[in-house]
Amino acid sequence: MSATTLAPGATSPTASRTSPYRLTFGHVLRSEWIKFRSLRSTWWTLGITVAVMVGFSLMFAAVVSSVSSAGGSPEDMGMGTTDGIGVMVITVGYSFAQLAVAVLGALTVTGEYSTGMIRSTLSAVPRRTPALAAKMIVVGVVTAVSTVVAVGLSYLVTYPILSGKDMTADFSSADDQRALIGVVLYLTAVALFSVAVGVLLRSSAGAIFTLVAVFFVLSMVLNIVMGVTGADWVQTLMNSLPASAGEQVVLGGGMSSPDAIGPWPGFAVLAGWTAALTVAAAVVLKRRDA
C-alpha cells in the first residue's frame, strides 16, 4: 500500500475541475424570463391587452367619424375640442387593458404559489429579493413593449378613418406626446403594482379581486359619487388613489376634471403607491415561508 504525495503548490485533479457555482442576477433574470414566456396564459393575456386597445380605438374612431360626418363635433360628445381627439382615440382602450395587465402581473406570482413552484424559486434564490426584482423587470418590460405595439396598431387602424376629418394624433403636440408616453408608463406601473399585490396576497382570486376593485370599481364608484354630489372631499380622495390619479397622465382633450390632479403629479401618486407596495412585498417575501 503506497501513499501519493502532492508536490508543493500542486492541486488535485478533482479540485482543479470543481469551482463553486455563483448565482448572478443575470441568471435569475433569465430564469424568470423563461418561466414567464413558457406560460400559455402570458401570451393570451398579452394578446387580449393588444386586442382590447386596438378594438376600442377602432370603435371609438368609427363613432367620432360618424358624428363628424353628421355635422357634429367633439364638444357634442362631451370630449372638449378637436385638439387631442386623435390621441384620445388611440389610447382610449387603456381603461380596459389595465385589467388585463393587472391580471398578468398578479398571476406571474400567484401562479407559482398555486403550483408550489415558488418553493423551488426561493430555494434557488435564498436572498429572495433578486427573484422579485427579476419578476418585476420581466413583467414591466414586456408590458411596456406590448403597450407600444398596441398603441402603434391603434394608430395604424384608425388613421384611415380620422385622417379625412383632420382628427389624427399630432405628434408635435406636447399634450399628445405626454398622453402617448403616459399610457405606456401607466400600464407598466399597473403591472408592477399588480406583481406586488400578488406577492402580498399569494392568492390568484384575492389578488385579481383586489386589483379589479382598485383599478376599475373604485374609480367608477367615485366618479358617480362625484357627479352626484360634487363634494370636494371626493375629488381629494380621487387625487390620492393610484388609479384615478395615475390615469391623468393618459387623459387629454378636455376629459379631465378641472379639479383633478395634474398629469405628472398624478403619475407620481401611482408610482408612490407602487414603490410602497413593492417595498412591503420585498419585506414580506423575505420573512414569510413560501
C-alpha atoms as a PDB file:
ATOM      1  CA  MET A   1       0.000   0.000   0.000  1.00  0.00           C
ATOM      2  CA  SER A   2       1.533   3.292  -1.006  1.00  0.00           C
ATOM      3  CA  ALA A   3       0.663   6.938  -0.479  1.00  0.00           C
ATOM      4  CA  THR A   4       0.787   9.623  -3.114  1.00  0.00           C
ATOM      5  CA  THR A   5       2.277  12.936  -2.063  1.00  0.00           C
ATOM      6  CA  LEU A   6       1.447  16.084  -3.996  1.00  0.00           C
ATOM      7  CA  ALA A   7       4.229  18.464  -4.780  1.00  0.00           C
ATOM      8  CA  PRO A   8       4.015  21.880  -3.075  1.00  0.00           C
ATOM      9  CA  GLY A   9       1.653  24.202  -4.954  1.00  0.00           C
ATOM     10  CA  ALA A  10       0.035  21.375  -6.892  1.00  0.00           C
ATOM     11  CA  THR A  11      -3.705  20.822  -6.817  1.00  0.00           C
ATOM     12  CA  SER A  12      -5.658  17.624  -7.110  1.00  0.00           C
ATOM     13  CA  PRO A  13      -7.437  16.961 -10.427  1.00  0.00           C
ATOM     14  CA  THR A  14     -10.781  16.994  -8.645  1.00  0.00           C
ATOM     15  CA  ALA A  15     -10.134  20.333  -7.039  1.00  0.00           C
ATOM     16  CA  SER A  16      -8.967  21.896 -10.292  1.00  0.00           C
ATOM     17  CA  ARG A  17     -12.086  20.801 -12.078  1.00  0.00           C
ATOM     18  CA  THR A  18     -14.514  21.895  -9.362  1.00  0.00           C
ATOM     19  CA  SER A  19     -15.465  25.529  -8.813  1.00  0.00           C
ATOM     20  CA  PRO A  20     -18.366  26.854  -6.770  1.00  0.00           C
ATOM     21  CA  TYR A  21     -21.383  27.951  -8.852  1.00  0.00           C
ATOM     22  CA  ARG A  22     -22.055  31.633  -8.396  1.00  0.00           C
ATOM     23  CA  LEU A  23     -25.670  32.666  -8.938  1.00  0.00           C
ATOM     24  CA  THR A  24     -25.807  36.090 -10.572  1.00  0.00           C
ATOM     25  CA  PHE A  25     -28.754  38.387 -11.099  1.00  0.00           C
ATOM     26  CA  GLY A  26     -28.446  37.683 -14.812  1.00  0.00           C
ATOM     27  CA  HIS A  27     -29.123  34.013 -14.126  1.00  0.00           C
ATOM     28  CA  VAL A  28     -32.168  34.893 -12.022  1.00  0.00           C
ATOM     29  CA  LEU A  29     -33.459  37.263 -14.697  1.00  0.00           C
ATOM     30  CA  ARG A  30     -33.030  34.642 -17.414  1.00  0.00           C
ATOM     31  CA  SER A  31     -34.834  32.063 -15.290  1.00  0.00           C
ATOM     32  CA  GLU A  32     -37.782  34.396 -14.710  1.00  0.00           C
ATOM     33  CA  TRP A  33     -37.975  35.210 -18.415  1.00  0.00           C
ATOM     34  CA  ILE A  34     -38.049  31.511 -19.319  1.00  0.00           C
ATOM     35  CA  LYS A  35     -40.835  30.847 -16.809  1.00  0.00           C
ATOM     36  CA  PHE A  36     -42.767  33.890 -17.960  1.00  0.00           C
ATOM     37  CA  ARG A  37     -42.646  33.107 -21.666  1.00  0.00           C
ATOM     38  CA  SER A  38     -43.399  29.406 -21.097  1.00  0.00           C
ATOM     39  CA  LEU A  39     -46.874  30.080 -19.709  1.00  0.00           C
ATOM     40  CA  ARG A  40     -49.718  29.983 -22.200  1.00  0.00           C
ATOM     41  CA  SER A  41     -51.662  32.435 -20.032  1.00  0.00           C
ATOM     42  CA  THR A  42     -48.930  35.025 -20.590  1.00  0.00           C
ATOM     43  CA  TRP A  43     -49.496  35.156 -24.329  1.00  0.00           C
ATOM     44  CA  TRP A  44     -53.264  35.027 -24.005  1.00  0.00           C
ATOM     45  CA  THR A  45     -53.217  37.970 -21.612  1.00  0.00           C
ATOM     46  CA  LEU A  46     -50.855  39.997 -23.768  1.00  0.00           C
ATOM     47  CA  GLY A  47     -52.954  39.221 -26.819  1.00  0.00           C
ATOM     48  CA  ILE A  48     -56.082  40.379 -25.002  1.00  0.00           C
ATOM     49  CA  THR A  49     -54.306  43.586 -23.963  1.00  0.00           C
ATOM     50  CA  VAL A  50     -53.398  44.454 -27.549  1.00  0.00           C
ATOM     51  CA  ALA A  51     -56.772  43.361 -28.936  1.00  0.00           C
ATOM     52  CA  VAL A  52     -58.696  45.416 -26.368  1.00  0.00           C
ATOM     53  CA  MET A  53     -56.728  48.581 -27.071  1.00  0.00           C
ATOM     54  CA  VAL A  54     -56.928  48.219 -30.845  1.00  0.00           C
ATOM     55  CA  GLY A  55     -60.593  47.195 -30.784  1.00  0.00           C
ATOM     56  CA  PHE A  56     -61.742  50.086 -28.619  1.00  0.00           C
ATOM     57  CA  SER A  57     -59.694  52.530 -30.694  1.00  0.00           C
ATOM     58  CA  LEU A  58     -61.340  51.274 -33.865  1.00  0.00           C
ATOM     59  CA  MET A  59     -64.844  51.529 -32.401  1.00  0.00           C
ATOM     60  CA  PHE A  60     -64.209  54.977 -30.951  1.00  0.00           C
ATOM     61  CA  ALA A  61     -62.768  56.212 -34.250  1.00  0.00           C
ATOM     62  CA  ALA A  62     -65.858  54.970 -36.086  1.00  0.00           C
ATOM     63  CA  VAL A  63     -68.146  56.797 -33.641  1.00  0.00           C
ATOM     64  CA  VAL A  64     -66.162  60.037 -33.856  1.00  0.00           C
ATOM     65  CA  SER A  65     -66.103  59.853 -37.651  1.00  0.00           C
ATOM     66  CA  SER A  66     -69.837  59.201 -37.786  1.00  0.00           C
ATOM     67  CA  VAL A  67     -70.613  62.157 -35.521  1.00  0.00           C
ATOM     68  CA  SER A  68     -68.321  64.381 -37.574  1.00  0.00           C
ATOM     69  CA  SER A  69     -69.955  63.272 -40.842  1.00  0.00           C
ATOM     70  CA  ALA A  70     -73.351  64.143 -39.373  1.00  0.00           C
ATOM     71  CA  GLY A  71     -72.153  67.680 -38.658  1.00  0.00           C
ATOM     72  CA  GLY A  72     -71.378  67.077 -35.000  1.00  0.00           C
ATOM     73  CA  SER A  73     -68.197  67.867 -33.094  1.00  0.00           C
ATOM     74  CA  PRO A  74     -66.216  66.500 -30.149  1.00  0.00           C
ATOM     75  CA  GLU A  75     -67.955  69.088 -27.955  1.00  0.00           C
ATOM     76  CA  ASP A  76     -71.277  67.424 -28.786  1.00  0.00           C
ATOM     77  CA  MET A  77     -69.874  64.174 -27.413  1.00  0.00           C
ATOM     78  CA  GLY A  78     -68.559  65.819 -24.253  1.00  0.00           C
ATOM     79  CA  MET A  79     -64.928  65.424 -25.286  1.00  0.00           C
ATOM     80  CA  GLY A  80     -63.760  69.004 -25.385  1.00  0.00           C
ATOM     81  CA  THR A  81     -62.251  70.416 -28.563  1.00  0.00           C
ATOM     82  CA  THR A  82     -60.904  68.661 -31.644  1.00  0.00           C
ATOM     83  CA  ASP A  83     -57.383  69.156 -30.255  1.00  0.00           C
ATOM     84  CA  GLY A  84     -56.336  65.898 -28.641  1.00  0.00           C
ATOM     85  CA  ILE A  85     -59.144  63.799 -30.093  1.00  0.00           C
ATOM     86  CA  GLY A  86     -56.705  61.787 -32.219  1.00  0.00           C
ATOM     87  CA  VAL A  87     -54.526  60.699 -29.315  1.00  0.00           C
ATOM     88  CA  MET A  88     -57.621  60.048 -27.227  1.00  0.00           C
ATOM     89  CA  VAL A  89     -58.850  57.626 -29.886  1.00  0.00           C
ATOM     90  CA  ILE A  90     -55.657  55.566 -29.915  1.00  0.00           C
ATOM     91  CA  THR A  91     -55.325  55.424 -26.119  1.00  0.00           C
ATOM     92  CA  VAL A  92     -58.995  55.023 -25.151  1.00  0.00           C
ATOM     93  CA  GLY A  93     -58.671  51.274 -24.580  1.00  0.00           C
ATOM     94  CA  TYR A  94     -56.248  51.698 -21.672  1.00  0.00           C
ATOM     95  CA  SER A  95     -59.036  51.664 -19.077  1.00  0.00           C
ATOM     96  CA  PHE A  96     -59.928  48.079 -20.039  1.00  0.00           C
ATOM     97  CA  ALA A  97     -56.414  46.975 -20.977  1.00  0.00           C
ATOM     98  CA  GLN A  98     -55.300  47.830 -17.440  1.00  0.00           C
ATOM     99  CA  LEU A  99     -57.385  44.925 -16.155  1.00  0.00           C
ATOM    100  CA  ALA A 100     -55.536  42.531 -18.464  1.00  0.00           C
ATOM    101  CA  VAL A 101     -52.081  43.738 -17.425  1.00  0.00           C
ATOM    102  CA  ALA A 102     -53.157  43.663 -13.774  1.00  0.00           C
ATOM    103  CA  VAL A 103     -54.112  40.004 -14.147  1.00  0.00           C
ATOM    104  CA  LEU A 104     -50.818  39.350 -15.932  1.00  0.00           C
ATOM    105  CA  GLY A 105     -48.779  40.915 -13.133  1.00  0.00           C
ATOM    106  CA  ALA A 106     -50.649  39.128 -10.361  1.00  0.00           C
ATOM    107  CA  LEU A 107     -50.605  35.680 -11.997  1.00  0.00           C
ATOM    108  CA  THR A 108     -46.856  35.917 -12.543  1.00  0.00           C
ATOM    109  CA  VAL A 109     -46.542  35.490  -8.776  1.00  0.00           C
ATOM    110  CA  THR A 110     -49.724  33.783  -7.606  1.00  0.00           C
ATOM    111  CA  GLY A 111     -49.427  31.145 -10.322  1.00  0.00           C
ATOM    112  CA  GLU A 112     -46.188  29.965  -8.713  1.00  0.00           C
ATOM    113  CA  TYR A 113     -47.811  29.835  -5.291  1.00  0.00           C
ATOM    114  CA  SER A 114     -50.712  27.761  -6.613  1.00  0.00           C
ATOM    115  CA  THR A 115     -48.412  25.196  -8.254  1.00  0.00           C
ATOM    116  CA  GLY A 116     -45.808  25.168  -5.488  1.00  0.00           C
ATOM    117  CA  MET A 117     -43.078  26.301  -7.896  1.00  0.00           C
ATOM    118  CA  ILE A 118     -42.410  29.279  -5.641  1.00  0.00           C
ATOM    119  CA  ARG A 119     -40.578  26.946  -3.228  1.00  0.00           C
ATOM    120  CA  SER A 120     -38.126  25.980  -5.950  1.00  0.00           C
ATOM    121  CA  THR A 121     -37.710  29.623  -6.937  1.00  0.00           C
ATOM    122  CA  LEU A 122     -36.938  30.749  -3.401  1.00  0.00           C
ATOM    123  CA  SER A 123     -34.668  27.757  -2.748  1.00  0.00           C
ATOM    124  CA  ALA A 124     -32.645  28.654  -5.824  1.00  0.00           C
ATOM    125  CA  VAL A 125     -32.546  32.337  -4.807  1.00  0.00           C
ATOM    126  CA  PRO A 126     -32.200  32.331  -0.990  1.00  0.00           C
ATOM    127  CA  ARG A 127     -31.991  36.111  -0.757  1.00  0.00           C
ATOM    128  CA  ARG A 128     -35.426  36.253  -2.426  1.00  0.00           C
ATOM    129  CA  THR A 129     -35.430  39.946  -3.329  1.00  0.00           C
ATOM    130  CA  PRO A 130     -33.481  39.333  -6.572  1.00  0.00           C
ATOM    131  CA  ALA A 131     -36.272  36.956  -7.629  1.00  0.00           C
ATOM    132  CA  LEU A 132     -38.872  39.665  -7.006  1.00  0.00           C
ATOM    133  CA  ALA A 133     -36.774  42.260  -8.831  1.00  0.00           C
ATOM    134  CA  ALA A 134     -36.335  39.928 -11.806  1.00  0.00           C
ATOM    135  CA  LYS A 135     -40.079  39.232 -11.979  1.00  0.00           C
ATOM    136  CA  MET A 136     -40.842  42.942 -11.946  1.00  0.00           C
ATOM    137  CA  ILE A 137     -38.287  43.702 -14.649  1.00  0.00           C
ATOM    138  CA  VAL A 138     -39.653  40.978 -16.931  1.00  0.00           C
ATOM    139  CA  VAL A 139     -43.281  41.983 -16.374  1.00  0.00           C
ATOM    140  CA  GLY A 140     -42.502  45.697 -16.697  1.00  0.00           C
ATOM    141  CA  VAL A 141     -40.512  45.427 -19.917  1.00  0.00           C
ATOM    142  CA  VAL A 142     -42.992  43.065 -21.591  1.00  0.00           C
ATOM    143  CA  THR A 143     -45.943  45.264 -20.597  1.00  0.00           C
ATOM    144  CA  ALA A 144     -44.221  48.392 -21.911  1.00  0.00           C
ATOM    145  CA  VAL A 145     -43.355  46.744 -25.234  1.00  0.00           C
ATOM    146  CA  SER A 146     -46.871  45.323 -25.604  1.00  0.00           C
ATOM    147  CA  THR A 147     -48.391  48.736 -24.939  1.00  0.00           C
ATOM    148  CA  VAL A 148     -46.173  50.375 -27.543  1.00  0.00           C
ATOM    149  CA  VAL A 149     -47.253  47.719 -30.059  1.00  0.00           C
ATOM    150  CA  ALA A 150     -50.922  48.219 -29.143  1.00  0.00           C
ATOM    151  CA  VAL A 151     -50.716  51.998 -29.484  1.00  0.00           C
ATOM    152  CA  GLY A 152     -48.895  51.687 -32.806  1.00  0.00           C
ATOM    153  CA  LEU A 153     -51.505  49.310 -34.189  1.00  0.00           C
ATOM    154  CA  SER A 154     -54.301  51.524 -32.880  1.00  0.00           C
ATOM    155  CA  TYR A 155     -52.834  54.454 -34.770  1.00  0.00           C
ATOM    156  CA  LEU A 156     -52.480  52.444 -37.976  1.00  0.00           C
ATOM    157  CA  VAL A 157     -56.050  51.122 -37.975  1.00  0.00           C
ATOM    158  CA  THR A 158     -57.656  54.445 -37.055  1.00  0.00           C
ATOM    159  CA  TYR A 159     -55.598  56.728 -39.293  1.00  0.00           C
ATOM    160  CA  PRO A 160     -57.611  55.980 -42.478  1.00  0.00           C
ATOM    161  CA  ILE A 161     -60.816  56.761 -40.574  1.00  0.00           C
ATOM    162  CA  LEU A 162     -59.700  60.012 -38.950  1.00  0.00           C
ATOM    163  CA  SER A 163     -57.270  61.456 -41.492  1.00  0.00           C
ATOM    164  CA  GLY A 164     -60.056  62.890 -43.636  1.00  0.00           C
ATOM    165  CA  LYS A 165     -61.583  64.556 -40.573  1.00  0.00           C
ATOM    166  CA  ASP A 166     -58.332  66.256 -39.531  1.00  0.00           C
ATOM    167  CA  MET A 167     -58.535  64.430 -36.210  1.00  0.00           C
ATOM    168  CA  THR A 168     -55.382  62.322 -36.197  1.00  0.00           C
ATOM    169  CA  ALA A 169     -52.855  62.496 -33.367  1.00  0.00           C
ATOM    170  CA  ASP A 170     -50.455  65.437 -33.528  1.00  0.00           C
ATOM    171  CA  PHE A 171     -47.049  64.033 -32.604  1.00  0.00           C
ATOM    172  CA  SER A 172     -45.596  67.550 -32.361  1.00  0.00           C
ATOM    173  CA  SER A 173     -48.081  68.453 -29.617  1.00  0.00           C
ATOM    174  CA  ALA A 174     -46.715  68.307 -26.076  1.00  0.00           C
ATOM    175  CA  ASP A 175     -50.073  67.078 -24.763  1.00  0.00           C
ATOM    176  CA  ASP A 176     -50.254  64.286 -27.327  1.00  0.00           C
ATOM    177  CA  GLN A 177     -46.673  63.270 -26.621  1.00  0.00           C
ATOM    178  CA  ARG A 178     -47.419  63.195 -22.891  1.00  0.00           C
ATOM    179  CA  ALA A 179     -50.500  61.022 -23.426  1.00  0.00           C
ATOM    180  CA  LEU A 180     -48.639  58.558 -25.650  1.00  0.00           C
ATOM    181  CA  ILE A 181     -45.733  58.249 -23.236  1.00  0.00           C
ATOM    182  CA  GLY A 182     -48.157  58.299 -20.338  1.00  0.00           C
ATOM    183  CA  VAL A 183     -50.211  55.314 -21.482  1.00  0.00           C
ATOM    184  CA  VAL A 184     -47.051  53.192 -21.639  1.00  0.00           C
ATOM    185  CA  LEU A 185     -45.912  54.356 -18.209  1.00  0.00           C
ATOM    186  CA  TYR A 186     -49.369  53.960 -16.699  1.00  0.00           C
ATOM    187  CA  LEU A 187     -49.965  50.381 -17.849  1.00  0.00           C
ATOM    188  CA  THR A 188     -46.410  49.408 -16.894  1.00  0.00           C
ATOM    189  CA  ALA A 189     -46.919  50.833 -13.403  1.00  0.00           C
ATOM    190  CA  VAL A 190     -50.239  48.970 -13.104  1.00  0.00           C
ATOM    191  CA  ALA A 191     -48.474  45.712 -13.980  1.00  0.00           C
ATOM    192  CA  LEU A 192     -45.744  46.314 -11.378  1.00  0.00           C
ATOM    193  CA  PHE A 193     -48.346  47.322  -8.788  1.00  0.00           C
ATOM    194  CA  SER A 194     -50.076  44.015  -9.504  1.00  0.00           C
ATOM    195  CA  VAL A 195     -46.918  41.947  -9.054  1.00  0.00           C
ATOM    196  CA  ALA A 196     -46.521  43.460  -5.589  1.00  0.00           C
ATOM    197  CA  VAL A 197     -50.168  42.742  -4.745  1.00  0.00           C
ATOM    198  CA  GLY A 198     -49.658  39.149  -5.896  1.00  0.00           C
ATOM    199  CA  VAL A 199     -46.719  38.725  -3.522  1.00  0.00           C
ATOM    200  CA  LEU A 200     -48.654  40.209  -0.611  1.00  0.00           C
ATOM    201  CA  LEU A 201     -51.847  38.175  -1.122  1.00  0.00           C
ATOM    202  CA  ARG A 202     -50.450  34.987  -2.750  1.00  0.00           C
ATOM    203  CA  SER A 203     -53.948  34.086  -3.926  1.00  0.00           C
ATOM    204  CA  SER A 204     -54.944  34.490  -7.578  1.00  0.00           C
ATOM    205  CA  ALA A 205     -58.594  35.098  -6.739  1.00  0.00           C
ATOM    206  CA  GLY A 206     -57.801  37.522  -3.918  1.00  0.00           C
ATOM    207  CA  ALA A 207     -55.258  39.461  -5.961  1.00  0.00           C
ATOM    208  CA  ILE A 208     -57.490  39.763  -9.029  1.00  0.00           C
ATOM    209  CA  PHE A 209     -60.486  40.798  -6.916  1.00  0.00           C
ATOM    210  CA  THR A 210     -58.395  43.476  -5.186  1.00  0.00           C
ATOM    211  CA  LEU A 211     -56.967  44.804  -8.442  1.00  0.00           C
ATOM    212  CA  VAL A 212     -60.346  44.974 -10.170  1.00  0.00           C
ATOM    213  CA  ALA A 213     -61.671  46.871  -7.163  1.00  0.00           C
ATOM    214  CA  VAL A 214     -58.741  49.311  -7.122  1.00  0.00           C
ATOM    215  CA  PHE A 215     -58.388  49.981 -10.850  1.00  0.00           C
ATOM    216  CA  PHE A 216     -61.960  49.723 -12.028  1.00  0.00           C
ATOM    217  CA  VAL A 217     -64.751  49.543  -9.473  1.00  0.00           C
ATOM    218  CA  LEU A 218     -63.470  52.151  -7.016  1.00  0.00           C
ATOM    219  CA  SER A 219     -62.748  54.718  -9.716  1.00  0.00           C
ATOM    220  CA  MET A 220     -66.156  54.153 -11.299  1.00  0.00           C
ATOM    221  CA  VAL A 221     -67.985  54.485  -7.966  1.00  0.00           C
ATOM    222  CA  LEU A 222     -66.112  57.645  -7.015  1.00  0.00           C
ATOM    223  CA  ASN A 223     -66.825  59.206 -10.417  1.00  0.00           C
ATOM    224  CA  ILE A 224     -70.526  58.527  -9.904  1.00  0.00           C
ATOM    225  CA  VAL A 225     -70.450  59.967  -6.382  1.00  0.00           C
ATOM    226  CA  MET A 226     -68.546  62.998  -7.652  1.00  0.00           C
ATOM    227  CA  GLY A 227     -71.085  63.553 -10.413  1.00  0.00           C
ATOM    228  CA  VAL A 228     -73.998  63.329  -7.991  1.00  0.00           C
ATOM    229  CA  THR A 229     -72.629  65.263  -5.020  1.00  0.00           C
ATOM    230  CA  GLY A 230     -69.811  67.410  -6.399  1.00  0.00           C
ATOM    231  CA  ALA A 231     -68.218  67.144  -2.953  1.00  0.00           C
ATOM    232  CA  ASP A 232     -64.660  68.429  -2.661  1.00  0.00           C
ATOM    233  CA  TRP A 233     -63.603  65.520  -0.453  1.00  0.00           C
ATOM    234  CA  VAL A 234     -64.439  63.058  -3.230  1.00  0.00           C
ATOM    235  CA  GLN A 235     -62.082  64.803  -5.651  1.00  0.00           C
ATOM    236  CA  THR A 236     -59.418  64.981  -2.940  1.00  0.00           C
ATOM    237  CA  LEU A 237     -59.757  61.241  -2.391  1.00  0.00           C
ATOM    238  CA  MET A 238     -59.607  60.559  -6.122  1.00  0.00           C
ATOM    239  CA  ASN A 239     -56.437  62.636  -6.385  1.00  0.00           C
ATOM    240  CA  SER A 240     -54.733  60.359  -3.861  1.00  0.00           C
ATOM    241  CA  LEU A 241     -55.739  56.948  -5.226  1.00  0.00           C
ATOM    242  CA  PRO A 242     -53.497  55.007  -7.638  1.00  0.00           C
ATOM    243  CA  ALA A 243     -55.965  54.564 -10.499  1.00  0.00           C
ATOM    244  CA  SER A 244     -57.836  57.864 -10.622  1.00  0.00           C
ATOM    245  CA  ALA A 245     -54.646  59.858 -10.017  1.00  0.00           C
ATOM    246  CA  GLY A 246     -52.358  57.793 -12.227  1.00  0.00           C
ATOM    247  CA  GLU A 247     -54.626  57.811 -15.270  1.00  0.00           C
ATOM    248  CA  GLN A 248     -54.383  61.598 -15.504  1.00  0.00           C
ATOM    249  CA  VAL A 249     -51.091  61.124 -17.337  1.00  0.00           C
ATOM    250  CA  VAL A 250     -53.084  59.499 -20.163  1.00  0.00           C
ATOM    251  CA  LEU A 251     -56.206  61.626 -20.277  1.00  0.00           C
ATOM    252  CA  GLY A 252     -56.353  64.603 -22.621  1.00  0.00           C
ATOM    253  CA  GLY A 253     -58.647  66.584 -24.868  1.00  0.00           C
ATOM    254  CA  GLY A 254     -60.677  68.047 -22.049  1.00  0.00           C
ATOM    255  CA  MET A 255     -61.579  64.679 -20.500  1.00  0.00           C
ATOM    256  CA  SER A 256     -60.060  65.527 -17.101  1.00  0.00           C
ATOM    257  CA  SER A 257     -61.961  67.351 -14.392  1.00  0.00           C
ATOM    258  CA  PRO A 258     -60.712  70.913 -13.778  1.00  0.00           C
ATOM    259  CA  ASP A 259     -60.060  69.942 -10.150  1.00  0.00           C
ATOM    260  CA  ALA A 260     -58.230  66.722 -10.985  1.00  0.00           C
ATOM    261  CA  ILE A 261     -54.581  66.349 -10.107  1.00  0.00           C
ATOM    262  CA  GLY A 262     -52.113  67.221 -12.887  1.00  0.00           C
ATOM    263  CA  PRO A 263     -50.818  64.536 -15.281  1.00  0.00           C
ATOM    264  CA  TRP A 264     -47.311  64.080 -13.893  1.00  0.00           C
ATOM    265  CA  PRO A 265     -48.191  64.640 -10.213  1.00  0.00           C
ATOM    266  CA  GLY A 266     -50.948  62.070 -10.750  1.00  0.00           C
ATOM    267  CA  PHE A 267     -48.495  59.560 -12.160  1.00  0.00           C
ATOM    268  CA  ALA A 268     -46.194  60.285  -9.222  1.00  0.00           C
ATOM    269  CA  VAL A 269     -49.032  59.223  -6.902  1.00  0.00           C
ATOM    270  CA  LEU A 270     -49.340  55.892  -8.730  1.00  0.00           C
ATOM    271  CA  ALA A 271     -45.566  55.454  -8.728  1.00  0.00           C
ATOM    272  CA  GLY A 272     -45.512  56.153  -4.984  1.00  0.00           C
ATOM    273  CA  TRP A 273     -48.182  53.536  -4.317  1.00  0.00           C
ATOM    274  CA  THR A 274     -46.300  51.046  -6.490  1.00  0.00           C
ATOM    275  CA  ALA A 275     -42.994  51.720  -4.743  1.00  0.00           C
ATOM    276  CA  ALA A 276     -44.564  51.390  -1.289  1.00  0.00           C
ATOM    277  CA  LEU A 277     -46.236  48.088  -2.176  1.00  0.00           C
ATOM    278  CA  THR A 278     -43.013  46.798  -3.730  1.00  0.00           C
ATOM    279  CA  VAL A 279     -41.073  47.517  -0.537  1.00  0.00           C
ATOM    280  CA  ALA A 280     -43.800  45.824   1.514  1.00  0.00           C
ATOM    281  CA  ALA A 281     -43.762  42.841  -0.855  1.00  0.00           C
ATOM    282  CA  ALA A 282     -39.974  42.515  -0.570  1.00  0.00           C
ATOM    283  CA  VAL A 283     -40.141  42.571   3.236  1.00  0.00           C
ATOM    284  CA  VAL A 284     -42.969  40.024   3.360  1.00  0.00           C
ATOM    285  CA  LEU A 285     -41.267  37.763   0.813  1.00  0.00           C
ATOM    286  CA  LYS A 286     -38.077  37.620   2.911  1.00  0.00           C
ATOM    287  CA  ARG A 287     -39.870  36.973   6.204  1.00  0.00           C
ATOM    288  CA  ARG A 288     -42.718  34.670   5.221  1.00  0.00           C
ATOM    289  CA  ASP A 289     -42.465  30.984   4.377  1.00  0.00           C
ATOM    290  CA  ALA A 290     -43.357  30.013   0.832  1.00  0.00           C
END
